[in-house]
Amino acid sequence: MFYNFTVMKIIINGETKEIANELNLSRLLETFALPNERIAVELNKEVVRKKDWENIVIKDADKIEIVHFVGGG
């Protein structure tokens, strides 16, 4: 039995990554063990609100920037 996987290349913080199929943004963060707290996510130069992460599907050639907020003073 063969499974038809389409390998997609995306860019996360300047690094090319490969994923086997389309994922939503929340699942993508889990897949790459990225934190989902105290971060901001930009997809193709547009900020994505956390409440929309479940509805945003990552596609081939998407560019994602993830910024971590750090406390301190």
N, C-alpha and C. Protein backbone atom coordinates (compact mmCIF):
# COMPACT_ATOMS: atom_id res chain seq x y z
N MET A 1 0.85 -1.17 0.00
CA MET A 1 0.00 0.00 0.00
C MET A 1 0.90 1.24 0.00
N PHE A 2 0.58 2.20 -0.86
CA PHE A 2 1.36 3.43 -0.95
C PHE A 2 0.53 4.60 -0.47
N TYR A 3 1.18 5.49 0.24
CA TYR A 3 0.54 6.71 0.68
C TYR A 3 1.09 7.85 -0.15
N ASN A 4 0.23 8.71 -0.60
CA ASN A 4 0.66 9.82 -1.42
C ASN A 4 0.85 11.05 -0.54
N PHE A 5 2.09 11.33 -0.18
CA PHE A 5 2.41 12.50 0.61
C PHE A 5 3.02 13.57 -0.29
N THR A 6 2.55 14.75 -0.16
CA THR A 6 3.14 15.86 -0.87
C THR A 6 4.05 16.58 0.10
N VAL A 7 5.32 16.59 -0.19
CA VAL A 7 6.27 17.28 0.68
C VAL A 7 6.24 18.75 0.32
N MET A 8 6.01 19.55 1.33
CA MET A 8 5.97 20.99 1.14
C MET A 8 7.17 21.60 1.85
N LYS A 9 7.71 22.64 1.27
CA LYS A 9 8.79 23.38 1.90
C LYS A 9 8.23 24.71 2.38
N ILE A 10 8.50 24.99 3.64
CA ILE A 10 8.10 26.26 4.24
C ILE A 10 9.33 26.88 4.88
N ILE A 11 9.24 28.13 5.24
CA ILE A 11 10.36 28.80 5.90
C ILE A 11 9.89 29.28 7.26
N ILE A 12 10.59 28.83 8.30
CA ILE A 12 10.29 29.26 9.67
C ILE A 12 11.51 30.00 10.20
N ASN A 13 11.34 31.27 10.50
CA ASN A 13 12.42 32.11 11.01
C ASN A 13 13.68 31.99 10.15
N GLY A 14 13.49 32.00 8.84
CA GLY A 14 14.61 31.99 7.92
C GLY A 14 15.17 30.63 7.57
N GLU A 15 14.67 29.55 8.20
CA GLU A 15 15.16 28.21 7.94
C GLU A 15 14.13 27.42 7.15
N THR A 16 14.58 26.76 6.08
CA THR A 16 13.68 25.94 5.28
C THR A 16 13.37 24.64 6.03
N LYS A 17 12.09 24.33 6.12
CA LYS A 17 11.63 23.10 6.77
C LYS A 17 10.73 22.37 5.79
N GLU A 18 10.63 21.06 5.95
CA GLU A 18 9.74 20.26 5.12
C GLU A 18 8.64 19.66 5.98
N ILE A 19 7.42 19.70 5.45
CA ILE A 19 6.30 19.04 6.12
C ILE A 19 5.63 18.13 5.10
N ALA A 20 5.04 17.04 5.56
CA ALA A 20 4.49 16.02 4.67
C ALA A 20 3.14 16.42 4.08
N ASN A 21 2.39 17.23 4.78
CA ASN A 21 1.09 17.65 4.27
C ASN A 21 0.66 18.93 4.96
N GLU A 22 -0.46 19.45 4.52
CA GLU A 22 -0.94 20.71 5.09
C GLU A 22 -1.31 20.54 6.55
N LEU A 23 -0.89 21.50 7.36
CA LEU A 23 -1.20 21.54 8.78
C LEU A 23 -1.78 22.90 9.11
N ASN A 24 -2.58 22.95 10.18
CA ASN A 24 -2.96 24.29 10.64
C ASN A 24 -1.81 24.84 11.47
N LEU A 25 -1.86 26.10 11.75
CA LEU A 25 -0.76 26.77 12.43
C LEU A 25 -0.50 26.19 13.82
N SER A 26 -1.54 25.87 14.56
CA SER A 26 -1.37 25.27 15.89
C SER A 26 -0.63 23.95 15.81
N ARG A 27 -1.03 23.11 14.88
CA ARG A 27 -0.40 21.79 14.71
C ARG A 27 1.05 21.94 14.25
N LEU A 28 1.32 22.92 13.43
CA LEU A 28 2.68 23.16 12.97
C LEU A 28 3.59 23.49 14.15
N LEU A 29 3.13 24.35 15.05
CA LEU A 29 3.92 24.70 16.24
C LEU A 29 4.21 23.45 17.07
N GLU A 30 3.20 22.58 17.22
CA GLU A 30 3.39 21.33 17.96
C GLU A 30 4.39 20.41 17.26
N THR A 31 4.28 20.30 15.94
CA THR A 31 5.14 19.41 15.16
C THR A 31 6.61 19.75 15.33
N PHE A 32 6.92 21.04 15.37
CA PHE A 32 8.31 21.46 15.50
C PHE A 32 8.67 21.81 16.94
N ALA A 33 7.83 21.40 17.89
CA ALA A 33 8.06 21.63 19.32
C ALA A 33 8.34 23.10 19.62
N LEU A 34 7.58 23.97 18.98
CA LEU A 34 7.71 25.40 19.22
C LEU A 34 6.72 25.81 20.29
N PRO A 35 7.10 26.74 21.13
CA PRO A 35 6.18 27.16 22.20
C PRO A 35 4.97 27.87 21.60
N ASN A 36 3.85 27.82 22.30
CA ASN A 36 2.68 28.55 21.83
C ASN A 36 2.23 29.60 22.83
N GLU A 37 3.03 29.83 23.83
CA GLU A 37 2.75 30.87 24.81
C GLU A 37 3.75 32.01 24.65
N ARG A 38 3.28 33.21 24.86
CA ARG A 38 4.12 34.42 24.81
C ARG A 38 4.91 34.52 23.51
N ILE A 39 4.21 34.26 22.40
CA ILE A 39 4.84 34.42 21.09
C ILE A 39 3.90 35.20 20.18
N ALA A 40 4.48 35.75 19.14
CA ALA A 40 3.69 36.37 18.06
C ALA A 40 4.07 35.62 16.79
N VAL A 41 3.08 35.38 15.94
CA VAL A 41 3.31 34.65 14.71
C VAL A 41 2.93 35.53 13.52
N GLU A 42 3.83 35.57 12.56
CA GLU A 42 3.60 36.30 11.32
C GLU A 42 3.64 35.29 10.18
N LEU A 43 2.61 35.29 9.34
CA LEU A 43 2.52 34.39 8.20
C LEU A 43 2.50 35.24 6.94
N ASN A 44 3.53 35.07 6.11
CA ASN A 44 3.62 35.84 4.86
C ASN A 44 3.45 37.34 5.11
N LYS A 45 4.16 37.81 6.12
CA LYS A 45 4.22 39.23 6.50
C LYS A 45 2.93 39.80 7.08
N GLU A 46 2.04 38.92 7.57
CA GLU A 46 0.83 39.37 8.25
C GLU A 46 0.75 38.70 9.60
N VAL A 47 0.52 39.49 10.65
CA VAL A 47 0.40 38.95 12.00
C VAL A 47 -0.88 38.12 12.09
N VAL A 48 -0.76 36.94 12.71
CA VAL A 48 -1.91 36.05 12.89
C VAL A 48 -2.28 36.02 14.36
N ARG A 49 -3.52 36.34 14.67
CA ARG A 49 -3.98 36.31 16.06
C ARG A 49 -4.07 34.87 16.54
N LYS A 50 -3.76 34.65 17.80
CA LYS A 50 -3.75 33.30 18.37
C LYS A 50 -5.10 32.61 18.20
N LYS A 51 -6.17 33.34 18.31
CA LYS A 51 -7.49 32.71 18.18
C LYS A 51 -7.75 32.19 16.77
N ASP A 52 -6.92 32.61 15.79
CA ASP A 52 -7.09 32.16 14.41
C ASP A 52 -6.15 31.02 14.03
N TRP A 53 -5.24 30.63 14.91
CA TRP A 53 -4.24 29.61 14.58
C TRP A 53 -4.86 28.30 14.11
N GLU A 54 -5.96 27.89 14.71
CA GLU A 54 -6.61 26.62 14.34
C GLU A 54 -7.17 26.67 12.92
N ASN A 55 -7.52 27.85 12.44
CA ASN A 55 -8.17 28.00 11.14
C ASN A 55 -7.21 28.32 10.00
N ILE A 56 -5.96 28.61 10.32
CA ILE A 56 -4.98 28.97 9.30
C ILE A 56 -4.24 27.72 8.86
N VAL A 57 -4.36 27.37 7.58
CA VAL A 57 -3.68 26.20 7.03
C VAL A 57 -2.39 26.64 6.36
N ILE A 58 -1.30 25.99 6.74
CA ILE A 58 0.01 26.29 6.17
C ILE A 58 0.12 25.62 4.80
N LYS A 59 0.62 26.38 3.84
CA LYS A 59 0.74 25.87 2.48
C LYS A 59 2.19 25.93 2.02
N ASP A 60 2.47 25.26 0.91
CA ASP A 60 3.81 25.23 0.35
C ASP A 60 4.33 26.64 0.13
N ALA A 61 5.58 26.86 0.48
CA ALA A 61 6.30 28.13 0.30
C ALA A 61 5.87 29.24 1.26
N ASP A 62 5.04 28.92 2.26
CA ASP A 62 4.69 29.94 3.26
C ASP A 62 5.92 30.34 4.04
N LYS A 63 5.95 31.60 4.46
CA LYS A 63 7.03 32.13 5.28
C LYS A 63 6.45 32.52 6.63
N ILE A 64 7.02 31.92 7.67
CA ILE A 64 6.51 32.10 9.02
C ILE A 64 7.62 32.67 9.90
N GLU A 65 7.29 33.71 10.62
CA GLU A 65 8.21 34.29 11.60
C GLU A 65 7.57 34.15 12.97
N ILE A 66 8.34 33.67 13.92
CA ILE A 66 7.85 33.48 15.28
C ILE A 66 8.75 34.28 16.21
N VAL A 67 8.14 35.17 16.98
CA VAL A 67 8.87 36.02 17.91
C VAL A 67 8.47 35.64 19.32
N HIS A 68 9.48 35.39 20.15
CA HIS A 68 9.25 35.04 21.56
C HIS A 68 9.35 36.30 22.40
N PHE A 69 8.40 36.48 23.31
CA PHE A 69 8.46 37.58 24.25
C PHE A 69 9.16 37.12 25.52
N VAL A 70 10.13 37.89 25.97
CA VAL A 70 10.89 37.55 27.16
C VAL A 70 10.71 38.63 28.20
N GLY A 71 10.43 38.21 29.43
CA GLY A 71 10.28 39.18 30.51
C GLY A 71 11.63 39.64 31.03
N GLY A 72 11.61 40.69 31.72
CA GLY A 72 12.86 41.20 32.31
C GLY A 72 12.79 42.69 32.49
N GLY A 73 13.88 43.23 32.91
CA GLY A 73 13.84 44.67 33.11
C GLY A 73 15.16 45.27 33.39
